Each structure stands twice: as structure tokens, then as C-alpha cells.
């Protein structure tokens, strides 16, 4: 038996179509990308998170010669956020990634490990986190929950 999986996402045509807070998140993710430490992959990623209290937290990917000791921008940011704001909900997560010197890029979604980590924080806070992934030049995709990008998810219900 075959079944079809549909992934629901919204394409936001350009930066100008974002709300003011979404523009702040885009700008922060793009600028913090410059703080990435990625000498091995040369792929620089920035992430910005909006908390329900209005705080914006950001982070970038951090690599290590002893693979897989480094961390993606999304996990760096979400783990720091949870450690420092353990009871504050995450509303939105914005990610932008591209090779270091790229002038344009395609929208890059979170990797599988990051999707699993984001899923854990949705479960922890009992609420969805809007996920935005964008190109350097403002092509943006948005999902209402990480479950849209991880349809066969593994969570605590299996344990």
C-alpha cells in the first residue's frame, strides 16, 4: 500500500513580504551567520529565535576537527535558549545558511539532527514553533511546526 505525504509550507516571495518581527529575525540570522566557526565545511549558518517574551536569541554553527563534535546553528541556539530561558516558549526559529563567501543561496532547511532537537522543544513547551528557512537574498519558506519537515518523527511516546 502506498501513501502520500504532504508537506505544508508557505513560500514567502521576498524579504519585503515579511512582518517587522520576521524581518528582525531574518536580519539577525543573516548577521550572526558571520560569527560561524566553520573552517572544515566552509558552510556558515545563522539562527535567530523569537521567545514569547519578545527576546531574540541568536547563534551560529560551530565546527570541530573531531567530527561530529561541532554543532549546527539551530541546536547551538535552541540549547543555549533552553539553558538560559527554560520556561519561556519559543515562538519562531529562523535559519539562513550558505557557503562562507556566497552572494546568493537557496533556502536551507534544518538538518535531521536539528529537526529532532526542535521536535523535542515543541514537545517540552507543548506548543508549535514556526520554522523559517531562507536564502541570503530573501527567498523564504515557512512551516507552522517542525512536524511538517519531520513527518515520521520519533518522540517520547515510543519510549
C-alpha atoms as a PDB file:
ATOM      1  CA  UNK A   1       0.000   0.000   0.000  1.00  0.00           C
ATOM      2  CA  UNK A   2       1.324   3.416  -0.944  1.00  0.00           C
ATOM      3  CA  UNK A   3       0.517   6.558   0.955  1.00  0.00           C
ATOM      4  CA  UNK A   4       1.227  10.108   0.017  1.00  0.00           C
ATOM      5  CA  UNK A   5       2.853  12.511   2.441  1.00  0.00           C
ATOM      6  CA  UNK A   6       2.112  16.177   2.012  1.00  0.00           C
ATOM      7  CA  UNK A   7       4.371  18.795   3.499  1.00  0.00           C
ATOM      8  CA  UNK A   8       2.615  22.054   4.246  1.00  0.00           C
ATOM      9  CA  UNK A   9       4.714  25.161   3.933  1.00  0.00           C
ATOM     10  CA  UNK A  10       4.304  28.729   2.833  1.00  0.00           C
ATOM     11  CA  UNK A  11       6.598  30.352   0.298  1.00  0.00           C
ATOM     12  CA  UNK A  12       7.241  33.979   1.204  1.00  0.00           C
ATOM     13  CA  UNK A  13       8.300  35.621  -2.067  1.00  0.00           C
ATOM     14  CA  UNK A  14      10.676  38.212  -0.645  1.00  0.00           C
ATOM     15  CA  UNK A  15      12.068  39.938   2.405  1.00  0.00           C
ATOM     16  CA  UNK A  16       9.610  42.794   1.847  1.00  0.00           C
ATOM     17  CA  UNK A  17       6.704  40.397   2.412  1.00  0.00           C
ATOM     18  CA  UNK A  18       7.832  39.636   5.985  1.00  0.00           C
ATOM     19  CA  UNK A  19       6.333  41.246   9.071  1.00  0.00           C
ATOM     20  CA  UNK A  20       8.565  43.605  11.053  1.00  0.00           C
ATOM     21  CA  UNK A  21       9.460  40.936  13.631  1.00  0.00           C
ATOM     22  CA  UNK A  22      10.169  38.414  10.854  1.00  0.00           C
ATOM     23  CA  UNK A  23      12.490  40.974   9.223  1.00  0.00           C
ATOM     24  CA  UNK A  24      14.335  41.357  12.546  1.00  0.00           C
ATOM     25  CA  UNK A  25      14.739  37.581  12.763  1.00  0.00           C
ATOM     26  CA  UNK A  26      15.936  37.349   9.157  1.00  0.00           C
ATOM     27  CA  UNK A  27      18.440  40.177   9.707  1.00  0.00           C
ATOM     28  CA  UNK A  28      19.710  38.655  12.946  1.00  0.00           C
ATOM     29  CA  UNK A  29      20.108  35.162  11.463  1.00  0.00           C
ATOM     30  CA  UNK A  30      21.920  36.613   8.459  1.00  0.00           C
ATOM     31  CA  UNK A  31      24.260  38.772  10.553  1.00  0.00           C
ATOM     32  CA  UNK A  32      25.056  36.140  13.212  1.00  0.00           C
ATOM     33  CA  UNK A  33      25.944  33.773  10.367  1.00  0.00           C
ATOM     34  CA  UNK A  34      29.127  35.854  10.124  1.00  0.00           C
ATOM     35  CA  UNK A  35      30.130  34.502  13.576  1.00  0.00           C
ATOM     36  CA  UNK A  36      30.118  30.891  12.414  1.00  0.00           C
ATOM     37  CA  UNK A  37      33.209  28.820  13.017  1.00  0.00           C
ATOM     38  CA  UNK A  38      33.171  26.511  10.006  1.00  0.00           C
ATOM     39  CA  UNK A  39      36.756  26.034   8.745  1.00  0.00           C
ATOM     40  CA  UNK A  40      36.084  22.455   7.605  1.00  0.00           C
ATOM     41  CA  UNK A  41      32.793  22.655   5.737  1.00  0.00           C
ATOM     42  CA  UNK A  42      33.023  26.367   4.863  1.00  0.00           C
ATOM     43  CA  UNK A  43      29.230  26.347   5.255  1.00  0.00           C
ATOM     44  CA  UNK A  44      28.151  29.196   7.515  1.00  0.00           C
ATOM     45  CA  UNK A  45      24.754  29.111   9.187  1.00  0.00           C
ATOM     46  CA  UNK A  46      22.943  31.620  11.402  1.00  0.00           C
ATOM     47  CA  UNK A  47      19.858  31.084  13.520  1.00  0.00           C
ATOM     48  CA  UNK A  48      17.563  33.507  15.343  1.00  0.00           C
ATOM     49  CA  UNK A  49      14.845  32.531  17.789  1.00  0.00           C
ATOM     50  CA  UNK A  50      11.918  34.654  18.959  1.00  0.00           C
ATOM     51  CA  UNK A  51      10.765  33.928  22.500  1.00  0.00           C
ATOM     52  CA  UNK A  52       7.243  34.597  23.741  1.00  0.00           C
ATOM     53  CA  UNK A  53       8.642  37.392  25.939  1.00  0.00           C
ATOM     54  CA  UNK A  54       9.907  39.222  22.827  1.00  0.00           C
ATOM     55  CA  UNK A  55      13.600  38.367  23.309  1.00  0.00           C
ATOM     56  CA  UNK A  56      15.550  37.415  20.195  1.00  0.00           C
ATOM     57  CA  UNK A  57      18.316  34.852  20.736  1.00  0.00           C
ATOM     58  CA  UNK A  58      20.825  34.000  18.031  1.00  0.00           C
ATOM     59  CA  UNK A  59      23.621  31.568  17.317  1.00  0.00           C
ATOM     60  CA  UNK A  60      25.787  30.141  14.565  1.00  0.00           C
ATOM     61  CA  UNK A  61      27.263  26.776  13.682  1.00  0.00           C
ATOM     62  CA  UNK A  62      30.466  25.782  15.479  1.00  0.00           C
ATOM     63  CA  UNK A  63      32.643  23.044  13.975  1.00  0.00           C
ATOM     64  CA  UNK A  64      35.427  20.949  15.393  1.00  0.00           C
ATOM     65  CA  UNK A  65      38.201  18.929  13.749  1.00  0.00           C
ATOM     66  CA  UNK A  66      36.974  15.918  15.742  1.00  0.00           C
ATOM     67  CA  UNK A  67      33.764  15.341  13.807  1.00  0.00           C
ATOM     68  CA  UNK A  68      30.976  15.149  14.932  1.00  0.00           C
ATOM     69  CA  UNK A  69      31.834  17.296  17.938  1.00  0.00           C
ATOM     70  CA  UNK A  70      30.564  20.517  16.363  1.00  0.00           C
ATOM     71  CA  UNK A  71      27.010  21.781  16.445  1.00  0.00           C
ATOM     72  CA  UNK A  72      24.653  23.280  13.907  1.00  0.00           C
ATOM     73  CA  UNK A  73      23.389  26.823  14.400  1.00  0.00           C
ATOM     74  CA  UNK A  74      19.879  25.669  15.226  1.00  0.00           C
ATOM     75  CA  UNK A  75      20.984  23.352  18.054  1.00  0.00           C
ATOM     76  CA  UNK A  76      23.563  25.832  19.359  1.00  0.00           C
ATOM     77  CA  UNK A  77      20.822  28.452  19.607  1.00  0.00           C
ATOM     78  CA  UNK A  78      17.996  26.291  20.915  1.00  0.00           C
ATOM     79  CA  UNK A  79      20.163  24.584  23.575  1.00  0.00           C
ATOM     80  CA  UNK A  80      21.508  27.927  24.840  1.00  0.00           C
ATOM     81  CA  UNK A  81      17.981  29.316  24.874  1.00  0.00           C
ATOM     82  CA  UNK A  82      16.641  26.391  26.891  1.00  0.00           C
ATOM     83  CA  UNK A  83      19.520  26.613  29.379  1.00  0.00           C
ATOM     84  CA  UNK A  84      19.006  30.336  29.936  1.00  0.00           C
ATOM     85  CA  UNK A  85      15.216  30.665  29.441  1.00  0.00           C
ATOM     86  CA  UNK A  86      14.000  27.195  30.491  1.00  0.00           C
ATOM     87  CA  UNK A  87      10.356  28.164  30.964  1.00  0.00           C
ATOM     88  CA  UNK A  88       9.917  30.643  28.123  1.00  0.00           C
ATOM     89  CA  UNK A  89       8.260  29.360  24.947  1.00  0.00           C
ATOM     90  CA  UNK A  90       9.975  29.581  21.580  1.00  0.00           C
ATOM     91  CA  UNK A  91       7.599  31.079  19.015  1.00  0.00           C
ATOM     92  CA  UNK A  92       9.700  31.306  15.861  1.00  0.00           C
ATOM     93  CA  UNK A  93      13.023  29.944  14.596  1.00  0.00           C
ATOM     94  CA  UNK A  94      14.740  31.483  11.563  1.00  0.00           C
ATOM     95  CA  UNK A  95      17.726  29.863   9.813  1.00  0.00           C
ATOM     96  CA  UNK A  96      19.962  31.020   6.943  1.00  0.00           C
ATOM     97  CA  UNK A  97      22.901  29.026   5.612  1.00  0.00           C
ATOM     98  CA  UNK A  98      25.281  29.152   2.676  1.00  0.00           C
ATOM     99  CA  UNK A  99      28.966  28.764   1.826  1.00  0.00           C
ATOM    100  CA  UNK A 100      31.014  31.496   3.518  1.00  0.00           C
ATOM    101  CA  UNK A 101      31.575  33.764   0.521  1.00  0.00           C
ATOM    102  CA  UNK A 102      28.313  33.091  -1.300  1.00  0.00           C
ATOM    103  CA  UNK A 103      26.362  36.077  -2.559  1.00  0.00           C
ATOM    104  CA  UNK A 104      23.181  34.078  -3.163  1.00  0.00           C
ATOM    105  CA  UNK A 105      21.890  30.764  -1.890  1.00  0.00           C
ATOM    106  CA  UNK A 106      18.882  28.502  -1.745  1.00  0.00           C
ATOM    107  CA  UNK A 107      16.739  28.301   1.390  1.00  0.00           C
ATOM    108  CA  UNK A 108      18.360  25.675   3.629  1.00  0.00           C
ATOM    109  CA  UNK A 109      16.074  23.730   5.994  1.00  0.00           C
ATOM    110  CA  UNK A 110      17.306  22.355   9.323  1.00  0.00           C
ATOM    111  CA  UNK A 111      19.204  19.049   9.082  1.00  0.00           C
ATOM    112  CA  UNK A 112      17.748  15.846  10.525  1.00  0.00           C
ATOM    113  CA  UNK A 113      19.506  16.172  13.897  1.00  0.00           C
ATOM    114  CA  UNK A 114      18.259  19.741  14.258  1.00  0.00           C
ATOM    115  CA  UNK A 115      14.746  18.723  13.277  1.00  0.00           C
ATOM    116  CA  UNK A 116      14.790  16.102  16.037  1.00  0.00           C
ATOM    117  CA  UNK A 117      16.071  18.637  18.597  1.00  0.00           C
ATOM    118  CA  UNK A 118      13.434  21.212  17.606  1.00  0.00           C
ATOM    119  CA  UNK A 119      10.771  18.493  17.880  1.00  0.00           C
ATOM    120  CA  UNK A 120      11.881  17.858  21.467  1.00  0.00           C
ATOM    121  CA  UNK A 121      11.420  21.522  22.366  1.00  0.00           C
ATOM    122  CA  UNK A 122       7.986  21.634  20.752  1.00  0.00           C
ATOM    123  CA  UNK A 123       7.077  18.663  22.966  1.00  0.00           C
ATOM    124  CA  UNK A 124       8.641  20.292  26.044  1.00  0.00           C
ATOM    125  CA  UNK A 125       6.698  23.520  25.623  1.00  0.00           C
ATOM    126  CA  UNK A 126       3.541  21.775  24.363  1.00  0.00           C
ATOM    127  CA  UNK A 127       3.291  24.241  21.504  1.00  0.00           C
ATOM    128  CA  UNK A 128       4.444  24.505  17.908  1.00  0.00           C
ATOM    129  CA  UNK A 129       7.454  26.528  16.786  1.00  0.00           C
ATOM    130  CA  UNK A 130       7.169  28.293  13.425  1.00  0.00           C
ATOM    131  CA  UNK A 131      10.203  27.409  11.311  1.00  0.00           C
ATOM    132  CA  UNK A 132      11.547  29.781   8.660  1.00  0.00           C
ATOM    133  CA  UNK A 133      14.418  28.903   6.360  1.00  0.00           C
ATOM    134  CA  UNK A 134      15.743  31.443   3.936  1.00  0.00           C
ATOM    135  CA  UNK A 135      18.264  32.213   1.237  1.00  0.00           C
ATOM    136  CA  UNK A 136      20.778  35.007   1.642  1.00  0.00           C
ATOM    137  CA  UNK A 137      18.819  37.135  -0.797  1.00  0.00           C
ATOM    138  CA  UNK A 138      15.408  36.740   0.818  1.00  0.00           C
ATOM    139  CA  UNK A 139      13.640  33.698  -0.603  1.00  0.00           C
ATOM    140  CA  UNK A 140      11.856  32.260   2.430  1.00  0.00           C
ATOM    141  CA  UNK A 141       9.883  29.155   3.322  1.00  0.00           C
ATOM    142  CA  UNK A 142       7.792  28.888   6.478  1.00  0.00           C
ATOM    143  CA  UNK A 143       6.220  25.934   8.270  1.00  0.00           C
ATOM    144  CA  UNK A 144       3.936  26.082  11.283  1.00  0.00           C
ATOM    145  CA  UNK A 145       5.753  23.233  13.046  1.00  0.00           C
ATOM    146  CA  UNK A 146       8.859  21.089  12.678  1.00  0.00           C
ATOM    147  CA  UNK A 147       6.497  18.126  12.261  1.00  0.00           C
ATOM    148  CA  UNK A 148       5.888  19.392   8.724  1.00  0.00           C
ATOM    149  CA  UNK A 149       9.567  18.705   7.964  1.00  0.00           C
ATOM    150  CA  UNK A 150       9.737  15.528  10.067  1.00  0.00           C
ATOM    151  CA  UNK A 151       6.548  13.602   9.270  1.00  0.00           C
ATOM    152  CA  UNK A 152       7.747  10.276  10.718  1.00  0.00           C
ATOM    153  CA  UNK A 153       9.057  11.683  13.950  1.00  0.00           C
ATOM    154  CA  UNK A 154      10.425   9.797  16.933  1.00  0.00           C
ATOM    155  CA  UNK A 155       9.332  11.172  20.286  1.00  0.00           C
ATOM    156  CA  UNK A 156       8.847  10.160  23.909  1.00  0.00           C
ATOM    157  CA  UNK A 157       5.635   8.291  23.068  1.00  0.00           C
ATOM    158  CA  UNK A 158       7.820   5.462  21.658  1.00  0.00           C
ATOM    159  CA  UNK A 159       9.788   5.022  24.892  1.00  0.00           C
END
